[in-house]
C-alpha atoms as a PDB file:
ATOM      1  CA  MET A   1      -0.233  -0.101   0.180  1.00  0.00           C
ATOM      2  CA  LYS A   2       1.428   3.481  -0.919  1.00  0.00           C
ATOM      3  CA  GLU A   3       0.219   5.027   2.160  1.00  0.00           C
ATOM      4  CA  LEU A   4      -0.279   3.927   6.234  1.00  0.00           C
ATOM      5  CA  SER A   5      -3.483   5.614   5.719  1.00  0.00           C
ATOM      6  CA  LEU A   6      -4.820   2.491   3.618  1.00  0.00           C
ATOM      7  CA  ASN A   7      -3.383   0.114   6.197  1.00  0.00           C
ATOM      8  CA  ILE A   8      -5.045   1.749   8.830  1.00  0.00           C
ATOM      9  CA  LEU A   9      -8.716   1.439   6.761  1.00  0.00           C
ATOM     10  CA  ASP A  10      -7.625  -2.547   6.308  1.00  0.00           C
ATOM     11  CA  ILE A  11      -6.933  -2.805   9.811  1.00  0.00           C
ATOM     12  CA  ALA A  12      -9.651  -0.696  11.357  1.00  0.00           C
ATOM     13  CA  GLN A  13     -12.047  -3.037   8.629  1.00  0.00           C
ATOM     14  CA  ASN A  14     -10.913  -6.609   9.859  1.00  0.00           C
ATOM     15  CA  SER A  15     -11.724  -5.015  13.445  1.00  0.00           C
ATOM     16  CA  ILE A  16     -15.238  -4.197  12.414  1.00  0.00           C
ATOM     17  CA  THR A  17     -15.520  -8.023  11.061  1.00  0.00           C
ATOM     18  CA  ALA A  18     -14.454  -9.205  14.153  1.00  0.00           C
ATOM     19  CA  GLU A  19     -17.442  -7.483  15.916  1.00  0.00           C
ATOM     20  CA  ALA A  20     -15.606  -4.496  17.629  1.00  0.00           C
ATOM     21  CA  ASP A  21     -17.856  -1.681  19.176  1.00  0.00           C
ATOM     22  CA  LEU A  22     -14.833   0.328  19.952  1.00  0.00           C
ATOM     23  CA  VAL A  23     -11.844   0.668  17.558  1.00  0.00           C
ATOM     24  CA  GLU A  24      -8.605   3.035  18.938  1.00  0.00           C
ATOM     25  CA  ILE A  25      -6.001   4.217  16.524  1.00  0.00           C
ATOM     26  CA  SER A  26      -3.107   5.766  17.766  1.00  0.00           C
ATOM     27  CA  LEU A  27       0.126   7.247  16.100  1.00  0.00           C
ATOM     28  CA  ASN A  28       2.760   8.695  18.196  1.00  0.00           C
ATOM     29  CA  GLU A  29       5.715  10.052  16.027  1.00  0.00           C
ATOM     30  CA  THR A  30       8.717  11.543  16.877  1.00  0.00           C
ATOM     31  CA  ASP A  31      11.312  13.048  14.096  1.00  0.00           C
ATOM     32  CA  THR A  32      12.917   9.742  13.380  1.00  0.00           C
ATOM     33  CA  THR A  33      10.107   7.616  14.329  1.00  0.00           C
ATOM     34  CA  LEU A  34       6.550   6.682  14.080  1.00  0.00           C
ATOM     35  CA  THR A  35       4.410   3.911  16.177  1.00  0.00           C
ATOM     36  CA  LEU A  36       0.938   3.061  14.956  1.00  0.00           C
ATOM     37  CA  THR A  37      -1.709   1.188  17.278  1.00  0.00           C
ATOM     38  CA  VAL A  38      -4.613  -0.203  16.349  1.00  0.00           C
ATOM     39  CA  LYS A  39      -6.514  -2.039  19.185  1.00  0.00           C
ATOM     40  CA  ASP A  40      -9.918  -3.546  19.136  1.00  0.00           C
ATOM     41  CA  ASN A  41     -12.591  -5.314  21.574  1.00  0.00           C
ATOM     42  CA  GLY A  42     -13.544  -7.757  19.147  1.00  0.00           C
ATOM     43  CA  TYR A  43     -13.577 -11.323  19.545  1.00  0.00           C
ATOM     44  CA  GLY A  44     -10.423 -12.040  19.058  1.00  0.00           C
ATOM     45  CA  MET A  45      -8.056 -14.618  17.399  1.00  0.00           C
ATOM     46  CA  SER A  46      -7.214 -18.103  18.316  1.00  0.00           C
ATOM     47  CA  PRO A  47      -4.081 -18.696  19.331  1.00  0.00           C
ATOM     48  CA  GLU A  48      -3.318 -20.735  15.888  1.00  0.00           C
ATOM     49  CA  PHE A  49      -4.691 -17.950  13.502  1.00  0.00           C
ATOM     50  CA  LEU A  50      -2.635 -16.194  15.598  1.00  0.00           C
ATOM     51  CA  ALA A  51       0.527 -17.667  14.651  1.00  0.00           C
ATOM     52  CA  SER A  52      -0.282 -17.988  11.163  1.00  0.00           C
ATOM     53  CA  VAL A  53      -1.649 -14.399  10.748  1.00  0.00           C
ATOM     54  CA  HIS A  54       1.719 -12.975   8.965  1.00  0.00           C
ATOM     55  CA  ASP A  55       0.891 -15.434   5.928  1.00  0.00           C
ATOM     56  CA  PRO A  56      -0.907 -13.591   3.132  1.00  0.00           C
ATOM     57  CA  PHE A  57      -2.525 -16.903   2.474  1.00  0.00           C
ATOM     58  CA  SER A  58      -4.272 -17.024   5.769  1.00  0.00           C
ATOM     59  CA  THR A  59      -7.376 -15.571   6.461  1.00  0.00           C
ATOM     60  CA  THR A  60     -10.966 -15.422   7.822  1.00  0.00           C
ATOM     61  CA  ARG A  61     -12.435 -13.952   4.530  1.00  0.00           C
ATOM     62  CA  THR A  62     -14.702 -16.151   2.479  1.00  0.00           C
ATOM     63  CA  THR A  63     -14.801 -13.716  -0.483  1.00  0.00           C
ATOM     64  CA  ARG A  64     -11.469 -13.994  -1.424  1.00  0.00           C
ATOM     65  CA  LYS A  65      -8.673 -16.520  -0.045  1.00  0.00           C
ATOM     66  CA  VAL A  66      -6.047 -14.054   0.564  1.00  0.00           C
ATOM     67  CA  GLY A  67      -5.656 -11.534   3.108  1.00  0.00           C
ATOM     68  CA  LEU A  68      -2.705  -9.002   2.392  1.00  0.00           C
ATOM     69  CA  GLY A  69      -3.447  -6.095   5.231  1.00  0.00           C
ATOM     70  CA  ILE A  70      -1.156  -7.549   8.162  1.00  0.00           C
ATOM     71  CA  PRO A  71       1.330  -9.045   5.873  1.00  0.00           C
ATOM     72  CA  LEU A  72       1.790  -5.619   4.219  1.00  0.00           C
ATOM     73  CA  LEU A  73       2.010  -3.828   7.379  1.00  0.00           C
ATOM     74  CA  LYS A  74       4.642  -6.078   8.382  1.00  0.00           C
ATOM     75  CA  LEU A  75       6.548  -5.465   5.220  1.00  0.00           C
ATOM     76  CA  ALA A  76       5.859  -1.671   5.478  1.00  0.00           C
ATOM     77  CA  ALA A  77       7.775  -1.543   8.746  1.00  0.00           C
ATOM     78  CA  GLU A  78      10.139  -4.013   8.294  1.00  0.00           C
ATOM     79  CA  GLN A  79      11.276  -2.361   5.061  1.00  0.00           C
ATOM     80  CA  THR A  80      12.537   0.684   7.414  1.00  0.00           C
ATOM     81  CA  ASP A  81      14.278  -1.627  10.027  1.00  0.00           C
ATOM     82  CA  GLY A  82      11.045  -1.645  12.354  1.00  0.00           C
ATOM     83  CA  TYR A  83       8.505  -4.231  13.542  1.00  0.00           C
ATOM     84  CA  ILE A  84       4.660  -5.672  14.186  1.00  0.00           C
ATOM     85  CA  ASP A  85       3.586  -7.051  17.420  1.00  0.00           C
ATOM     86  CA  LEU A  86       0.290  -8.783  17.616  1.00  0.00           C
ATOM     87  CA  ARG A  87      -1.768 -10.154  20.420  1.00  0.00           C
ATOM     88  CA  SER A  88      -4.747 -11.254  20.599  1.00  0.00           C
ATOM     89  CA  THR A  89      -7.571 -12.635  23.391  1.00  0.00           C
ATOM     90  CA  GLN A  90     -10.253 -14.352  22.253  1.00  0.00           C
ATOM     91  CA  ARG A  91     -14.233 -13.445  23.573  1.00  0.00           C
ATOM     92  CA  SER A  92     -14.299 -17.007  24.911  1.00  0.00           C
ATOM     93  CA  ALA A  93     -11.403 -16.919  27.031  1.00  0.00           C
ATOM     94  CA  ASP A  94     -11.842 -13.491  28.465  1.00  0.00           C
ATOM     95  CA  PRO A  95     -14.813 -11.548  27.379  1.00  0.00           C
ATOM     96  CA  GLU A  96     -13.939  -8.018  29.825  1.00  0.00           C
ATOM     97  CA  ASN A  97     -10.452  -7.891  28.079  1.00  0.00           C
ATOM     98  CA  CYS A  98     -11.006  -9.528  24.691  1.00  0.00           C
ATOM     99  CA  GLY A  99      -9.729  -8.041  21.213  1.00  0.00           C
ATOM    100  CA  THR A 100      -6.897  -7.360  19.414  1.00  0.00           C
ATOM    101  CA  VAL A 101      -3.985  -5.390  19.493  1.00  0.00           C
ATOM    102  CA  ILE A 102      -1.507  -5.019  16.231  1.00  0.00           C
ATOM    103  CA  THR A 103       1.619  -2.134  17.073  1.00  0.00           C
ATOM    104  CA  ALA A 104       3.915  -1.638  14.075  1.00  0.00           C
ATOM    105  CA  PHE A 105       6.744   0.376  14.641  1.00  0.00           C
ATOM    106  CA  PHE A 106       8.567   2.421  11.553  1.00  0.00           C
ATOM    107  CA  ASN A 107      11.811   4.362  11.472  1.00  0.00           C
ATOM    108  CA  LYS A 108      10.765   7.462   9.579  1.00  0.00           C
ATOM    109  CA  ASP A 109      14.538   8.263   8.325  1.00  0.00           C
ATOM    110  CA  HIS A 110      14.618   5.162   6.903  1.00  0.00           C
ATOM    111  CA  LEU A 111      14.630   5.312   2.222  1.00  0.00           C
ATOM    112  CA  ASP A 112      11.491   2.685   2.428  1.00  0.00           C
ATOM    113  CA  PHE A 113       9.639   4.387   4.754  1.00  0.00           C
ATOM    114  CA  THR A 114       5.781   4.857   3.392  1.00  0.00           C
ATOM    115  CA  PRO A 115       4.151   8.197   4.298  1.00  0.00           C
ATOM    116  CA  ILE A 116       0.825   8.359   6.737  1.00  0.00           C
ATOM    117  CA  GLY A 117      -1.088   9.710   4.013  1.00  0.00           C
ATOM    118  CA  ASP A 118      -4.452  10.916   4.375  1.00  0.00           C
ATOM    119  CA  ILE A 119      -5.462   9.933   7.789  1.00  0.00           C
ATOM    120  CA  VAL A 120      -8.440  12.258   7.759  1.00  0.00           C
ATOM    121  CA  SER A 121     -10.011  10.848   4.803  1.00  0.00           C
ATOM    122  CA  THR A 122      -9.351   7.234   6.720  1.00  0.00           C
ATOM    123  CA  ILE A 123     -11.220   8.779   9.906  1.00  0.00           C
ATOM    124  CA  THR A 124     -13.871   9.764   7.900  1.00  0.00           C
ATOM    125  CA  THR A 125     -14.572   7.254   5.608  1.00  0.00           C
ATOM    126  CA  LEU A 126     -14.867   4.337   8.905  1.00  0.00           C
ATOM    127  CA  LEU A 127     -17.478   7.333  10.169  1.00  0.00           C
ATOM    128  CA  GLN A 128     -19.402   7.266   7.271  1.00  0.00           C
ATOM    129  CA  GLY A 129     -19.208   3.835   6.726  1.00  0.00           C
ATOM    130  CA  PHE A 130     -19.662   2.165  10.278  1.00  0.00           C
ATOM    131  CA  PRO A 131     -20.921   4.808  12.288  1.00  0.00           C
ATOM    132  CA  ASP A 132     -22.356   2.648  15.501  1.00  0.00           C
ATOM    133  CA  ILE A 133     -18.873   1.750  16.191  1.00  0.00           C
ATOM    134  CA  ASP A 134     -16.882   4.073  18.219  1.00  0.00           C
ATOM    135  CA  TYR A 135     -13.370   5.219  17.424  1.00  0.00           C
ATOM    136  CA  VAL A 136     -10.796   6.783  19.227  1.00  0.00           C
ATOM    137  CA  PHE A 137      -8.302   8.768  17.133  1.00  0.00           C
ATOM    138  CA  SER A 138      -5.124  10.302  18.567  1.00  0.00           C
ATOM    139  CA  HIS A 139      -1.929  11.161  16.521  1.00  0.00           C
ATOM    140  CA  ARG A 140       0.805  12.620  19.446  1.00  0.00           C
ATOM    141  CA  ILE A 141       3.376  14.399  17.564  1.00  0.00           C
ATOM    142  CA  GLU A 142       6.900  15.221  19.270  1.00  0.00           C
ATOM    143  CA  THR A 143       9.117  17.507  17.417  1.00  0.00           C
ATOM    144  CA  GLY A 144      11.855  19.783  18.957  1.00  0.00           C
ATOM    145  CA  GLY A 145      10.863  19.369  22.396  1.00  0.00           C
ATOM    146  CA  ALA A 146       7.156  20.211  21.698  1.00  0.00           C
ATOM    147  CA  GLU A 147       4.259  17.650  21.738  1.00  0.00           C
ATOM    148  CA  LYS A 148       0.938  17.987  19.688  1.00  0.00           C
ATOM    149  CA  LEU A 149      -1.720  16.120  19.910  1.00  0.00           C
ATOM    150  CA  ILE A 150      -4.634  15.412  17.384  1.00  0.00           C
ATOM    151  CA  ALA A 151      -7.379  13.597  18.546  1.00  0.00           C
ATOM    152  CA  ILE A 152     -11.462  12.568  18.016  1.00  0.00           C
ATOM    153  CA  ASP A 153     -13.264  10.565  20.350  1.00  0.00           C
ATOM    154  CA  THR A 154     -16.781   9.587  19.137  1.00  0.00           C
ATOM    155  CA  ARG A 155     -18.087   8.663  22.330  1.00  0.00           C
ATOM    156  CA  ASP A 156     -17.653  12.180  23.501  1.00  0.00           C
ATOM    157  CA  MET A 157     -19.491  13.039  19.866  1.00  0.00           C
ATOM    158  CA  ARG A 158     -22.413  10.714  20.617  1.00  0.00           C
ATOM    159  CA  VAL A 159     -22.800  12.274  24.440  1.00  0.00           C
ATOM    160  CA  ILE A 160     -23.178  15.951  22.137  1.00  0.00           C
ATOM    161  CA  LEU A 161     -24.979  14.661  19.400  1.00  0.00           C
ATOM    162  CA  GLY A 162     -27.578  12.510  21.188  1.00  0.00           C
ATOM    163  CA  ASP A 163     -29.461   9.463  19.506  1.00  0.00           C
ATOM    164  CA  GLU A 164     -31.205  12.355  17.089  1.00  0.00           C
ATOM    165  CA  VAL A 165     -28.120  12.237  14.921  1.00  0.00           C
ATOM    166  CA  PRO A 166     -26.065   9.484  13.590  1.00  0.00           C
ATOM    167  CA  LEU A 167     -22.057  10.184  13.034  1.00  0.00           C
ATOM    168  CA  SER A 168     -22.585   9.345   9.386  1.00  0.00           C
ATOM    169  CA  ASP A 169     -24.657  12.414   8.967  1.00  0.00           C
ATOM    170  CA  PRO A 170     -23.050  14.753   5.932  1.00  0.00           C
ATOM    171  CA  MET A 171     -23.047  17.870   8.485  1.00  0.00           C
ATOM    172  CA  VAL A 172     -21.332  15.317  11.460  1.00  0.00           C
ATOM    173  CA  LEU A 173     -18.629  14.191   8.653  1.00  0.00           C
ATOM    174  CA  VAL A 174     -17.599  17.818   7.557  1.00  0.00           C
ATOM    175  CA  TRP A 175     -17.273  18.619  11.018  1.00  0.00           C
ATOM    176  CA  VAL A 176     -15.126  15.576  11.823  1.00  0.00           C
ATOM    177  CA  LYS A 177     -13.207  16.550   8.550  1.00  0.00           C
ATOM    178  CA  GLU A 178     -12.561  20.064   9.433  1.00  0.00           C
ATOM    179  CA  THR A 179     -11.914  19.550  13.041  1.00  0.00           C
ATOM    180  CA  LEU A 180      -8.916  17.232  12.245  1.00  0.00           C
ATOM    181  CA  GLU A 181      -7.437  19.259   9.190  1.00  0.00           C
ATOM    182  CA  GLU A 182      -7.758  22.083  11.684  1.00  0.00           C
ATOM    183  CA  GLN A 183      -5.640  20.378  14.116  1.00  0.00           C
ATOM    184  CA  TYR A 184      -3.195  19.317  11.570  1.00  0.00           C
ATOM    185  CA  SER A 185      -3.152  22.594   9.802  1.00  0.00           C
ATOM    186  CA  ALA A 186      -1.803  24.237  13.598  1.00  0.00           C
ATOM    187  CA  LEU A 187       1.220  22.070  13.446  1.00  0.00           C
END
């Protein structure tokens, strides 16, 4: 994938397929590194599937026999001398603490670092396509000793909007897009 935002979209889709109702996406960035974490509270993966998930021919999808999301993210990280870490707890083993956490570490100064891309469109696409899921997005940027946080939490939005206005409402999507763009432009 040409942008990490597309990897994020793919991993979040996996979370939604795993029946997660909360997907947390965080980017922690310094001048030289980027750590991407996607955490969900879905039904988790069996230890056997978790062991094989790095294989592109290992997938739970029934529409095709290839699952490239995690292998491509792993490749993108490893090309920068980084890594991924994947942990998962099945709902049947621990209903209160189930889900999956994938963390990818990148060295940004490496020649093969994949740019983050259009993360604002990724977040608004998730809201538009899956408005019943809660998303917590944060992008912490530390540069030159200063720290900036770009964040949005749909749980807070739901409190303000109530039950009458869905997160997929065009006005809400425009507000989310403009709010995130404003936060990024203040960098």
